[in-house]
């Protein structure tokens, strides 16, 4: 059985990896792109013309994979930045609503991951901005928004476990232990 031109591409993996590594941030990222490109090459093997160099054809696949990688990162960054802007413009509750907050929140916060309790204390309870939290924590506003969302979800889950019915109905007149 004759070997496919694609089979020979495996032998040049090191050169391909060097090509991708020069274009992306980390070796791990380059490895991921190479693996995805090999899969794409296997799926698109029928598009390789007999008069075409398999190596040149594969380099085109690699270039497109790197471009796709950056497009994906750019779209992800834009989505996170938009989410951070949306969160920073949310309407804050009035002072009477804040007085109703369950007394057990402080004890529940201490059961969360320190990074989660920190962002909840500084942004939600102390009414700080995500942007200033992000700067103090040396993270992007998008990452701060994601952390705040995950922290709120963890707090909600923990409150439901701790307070049961009370948390589901707004923690009004909480009688939690």
Protein backbone atom coordinates (compact mmCIF):
# COMPACT_ATOMS: atom_id res chain seq x y z
CA UNK A 1 0.00 0.00 0.00
CA UNK A 2 1.50 3.37 -1.04
CA UNK A 3 1.86 5.98 1.64
CA UNK A 4 -0.20 9.14 1.41
CA UNK A 5 1.52 12.53 1.00
CA UNK A 6 -0.15 13.45 4.29
CA UNK A 7 1.73 10.68 6.09
CA UNK A 8 5.00 12.48 5.26
CA UNK A 9 3.77 15.58 7.07
CA UNK A 10 4.21 13.86 10.43
CA UNK A 11 7.95 13.60 9.78
CA UNK A 12 8.19 17.40 9.53
CA UNK A 13 6.30 18.11 12.74
CA UNK A 14 9.26 19.89 14.34
CA UNK A 15 9.52 22.41 11.48
CA UNK A 16 5.77 22.99 11.57
CA UNK A 17 5.86 23.47 15.34
CA UNK A 18 8.67 26.03 15.02
CA UNK A 19 6.64 27.87 12.36
CA UNK A 20 3.58 28.11 14.63
CA UNK A 21 5.56 28.83 17.81
CA UNK A 22 6.99 31.99 16.24
CA UNK A 23 3.43 33.24 15.72
CA UNK A 24 1.69 32.48 19.02
CA UNK A 25 2.27 33.21 22.70
CA UNK A 26 3.11 29.77 24.10
CA UNK A 27 4.40 26.38 23.06
CA UNK A 28 1.26 24.77 24.46
CA UNK A 29 -0.85 26.96 22.20
CA UNK A 30 1.35 26.03 19.23
CA UNK A 31 0.96 22.34 20.08
CA UNK A 32 -2.82 22.71 20.15
CA UNK A 33 -2.82 24.46 16.78
CA UNK A 34 -0.56 21.79 15.25
CA UNK A 35 -2.82 18.99 16.47
CA UNK A 36 -5.92 20.73 15.14
CA UNK A 37 -4.15 21.35 11.81
CA UNK A 38 -3.25 17.68 11.46
CA UNK A 39 -6.87 16.74 12.05
CA UNK A 40 -8.00 19.35 9.51
CA UNK A 41 -5.45 18.00 7.01
CA UNK A 42 -6.78 14.48 7.45
CA UNK A 43 -10.34 15.72 6.94
CA UNK A 44 -9.40 17.78 3.88
CA UNK A 45 -6.91 15.36 2.31
CA UNK A 46 -9.10 15.09 -0.77
CA UNK A 47 -8.50 18.80 -1.54
CA UNK A 48 -4.76 18.22 -2.03
CA UNK A 49 -4.14 18.31 -5.77
CA UNK A 50 -1.70 15.77 -7.20
CA UNK A 51 0.49 18.53 -8.66
CA UNK A 52 0.60 20.43 -5.35
CA UNK A 53 3.23 20.10 -2.62
CA UNK A 54 1.73 18.55 0.51
CA UNK A 55 4.08 20.67 2.63
CA UNK A 56 2.99 23.96 1.00
CA UNK A 57 -0.63 22.87 1.31
CA UNK A 58 -0.12 22.08 5.01
CA UNK A 59 1.57 25.44 5.65
CA UNK A 60 -1.58 27.10 4.27
CA UNK A 61 -3.62 25.06 6.74
CA UNK A 62 -1.26 26.15 9.55
CA UNK A 63 -1.44 29.84 8.57
CA UNK A 64 -5.23 29.64 8.52
CA UNK A 65 -5.23 27.87 11.89
CA UNK A 66 -3.09 30.65 13.43
CA UNK A 67 -5.40 33.30 11.94
CA UNK A 68 -8.43 31.44 13.32
CA UNK A 69 -6.74 31.28 16.72
CA UNK A 70 -6.31 35.06 16.84
CA UNK A 71 -9.81 35.67 15.55
CA UNK A 72 -11.18 33.48 18.32
CA UNK A 73 -9.11 35.30 20.96
CA UNK A 74 -10.20 38.68 19.62
CA UNK A 75 -13.88 37.70 19.67
CA UNK A 76 -13.52 36.29 23.18
CA UNK A 77 -11.82 39.49 24.41
CA UNK A 78 -14.54 41.66 22.85
CA UNK A 79 -17.25 39.58 24.51
CA UNK A 80 -15.56 39.77 27.93
CA UNK A 81 -15.03 43.53 27.60
CA UNK A 82 -18.69 44.02 26.66
CA UNK A 83 -19.74 41.91 29.62
CA UNK A 84 -17.54 44.00 31.92
CA UNK A 85 -19.11 47.21 30.54
CA UNK A 86 -22.60 45.77 31.00
CA UNK A 87 -21.86 44.75 34.58
CA UNK A 88 -20.38 48.14 35.44
CA UNK A 89 -23.58 49.91 34.33
CA UNK A 90 -26.00 47.66 36.21
CA UNK A 91 -28.46 49.47 38.45
CA UNK A 92 -27.41 49.27 42.09
CA UNK A 93 -30.07 48.56 44.74
CA UNK A 94 -31.24 51.42 46.93
CA UNK A 95 -30.16 51.72 50.57
CA UNK A 96 -33.39 50.23 51.98
CA UNK A 97 -32.88 47.11 49.87
CA UNK A 98 -29.30 46.78 51.08
CA UNK A 99 -30.48 46.86 54.72
CA UNK A 100 -32.56 43.75 54.06
CA UNK A 101 -29.51 41.66 53.10
CA UNK A 102 -29.25 38.43 55.07
CA UNK A 103 -26.97 38.54 58.12
CA UNK A 104 -25.49 35.18 57.18
CA UNK A 105 -23.80 36.47 54.01
CA UNK A 106 -20.63 37.38 55.88
CA UNK A 107 -20.25 33.89 57.32
CA UNK A 108 -21.04 32.30 53.95
CA UNK A 109 -18.45 34.50 52.22
CA UNK A 110 -15.75 33.02 54.42
CA UNK A 111 -16.54 29.54 53.04
CA UNK A 112 -15.89 30.61 49.44
CA UNK A 113 -12.54 30.64 47.66
CA UNK A 114 -10.55 33.68 48.86
CA UNK A 115 -10.53 35.22 45.37
CA UNK A 116 -14.34 34.97 45.25
CA UNK A 117 -14.96 36.39 48.70
CA UNK A 118 -12.50 39.21 47.99
CA UNK A 119 -14.23 40.37 44.81
CA UNK A 120 -17.68 40.09 46.39
CA UNK A 121 -16.58 42.13 49.42
CA UNK A 122 -14.82 44.81 47.37
CA UNK A 123 -17.18 45.11 44.40
CA UNK A 124 -20.63 44.08 45.61
CA UNK A 125 -20.62 44.85 49.32
CA UNK A 126 -18.29 47.88 49.29
CA UNK A 127 -19.77 49.03 45.97
CA UNK A 128 -16.37 49.28 44.27
CA UNK A 129 -16.04 49.15 40.51
CA UNK A 130 -14.89 46.13 38.57
CA UNK A 131 -12.33 48.30 36.79
CA UNK A 132 -10.66 49.44 40.00
CA UNK A 133 -10.73 45.88 41.39
CA UNK A 134 -9.14 44.64 38.16
CA UNK A 135 -6.35 47.23 38.40
CA UNK A 136 -5.61 46.43 42.06
CA UNK A 137 -5.62 42.70 41.29
CA UNK A 138 -3.52 43.04 38.09
CA UNK A 139 -6.17 41.37 35.94
CA UNK A 140 -8.17 42.59 32.96
CA UNK A 141 -11.66 44.05 33.47
CA UNK A 142 -12.99 41.10 31.50
CA UNK A 143 -11.34 38.63 33.86
CA UNK A 144 -12.70 40.59 36.82
CA UNK A 145 -16.20 40.36 35.35
CA UNK A 146 -15.86 36.61 34.90
CA UNK A 147 -14.53 36.22 38.45
CA UNK A 148 -17.41 38.32 39.84
CA UNK A 149 -19.95 36.23 37.95
CA UNK A 150 -18.45 32.96 39.18
CA UNK A 151 -18.21 34.33 42.73
CA UNK A 152 -21.88 35.36 42.67
CA UNK A 153 -22.86 31.91 41.43
CA UNK A 154 -20.79 30.25 44.17
CA UNK A 155 -22.32 32.57 46.79
CA UNK A 156 -25.83 31.82 45.55
CA UNK A 157 -25.19 28.07 45.70
CA UNK A 158 -23.71 28.32 49.19
CA UNK A 159 -26.55 30.55 50.43
CA UNK A 160 -29.14 28.09 49.16
CA UNK A 161 -27.34 25.27 50.95
CA UNK A 162 -26.98 27.32 54.13
CA UNK A 163 -30.23 29.25 54.23
CA UNK A 164 -32.44 26.90 52.19
CA UNK A 165 -35.86 28.48 51.68
CA UNK A 166 -34.82 31.88 52.98
CA UNK A 167 -32.24 32.39 50.23
CA UNK A 168 -34.65 31.30 47.50
CA UNK A 169 -37.13 33.96 48.61
CA UNK A 170 -34.80 36.92 48.96
CA UNK A 171 -33.35 36.55 52.46
CA UNK A 172 -35.96 38.82 54.00
CA UNK A 173 -36.12 38.51 57.79
CA UNK A 174 -33.48 35.81 57.72
CA UNK A 175 -33.43 33.45 60.67
CA UNK A 176 -30.46 31.40 59.55
CA UNK A 177 -28.17 29.95 62.22
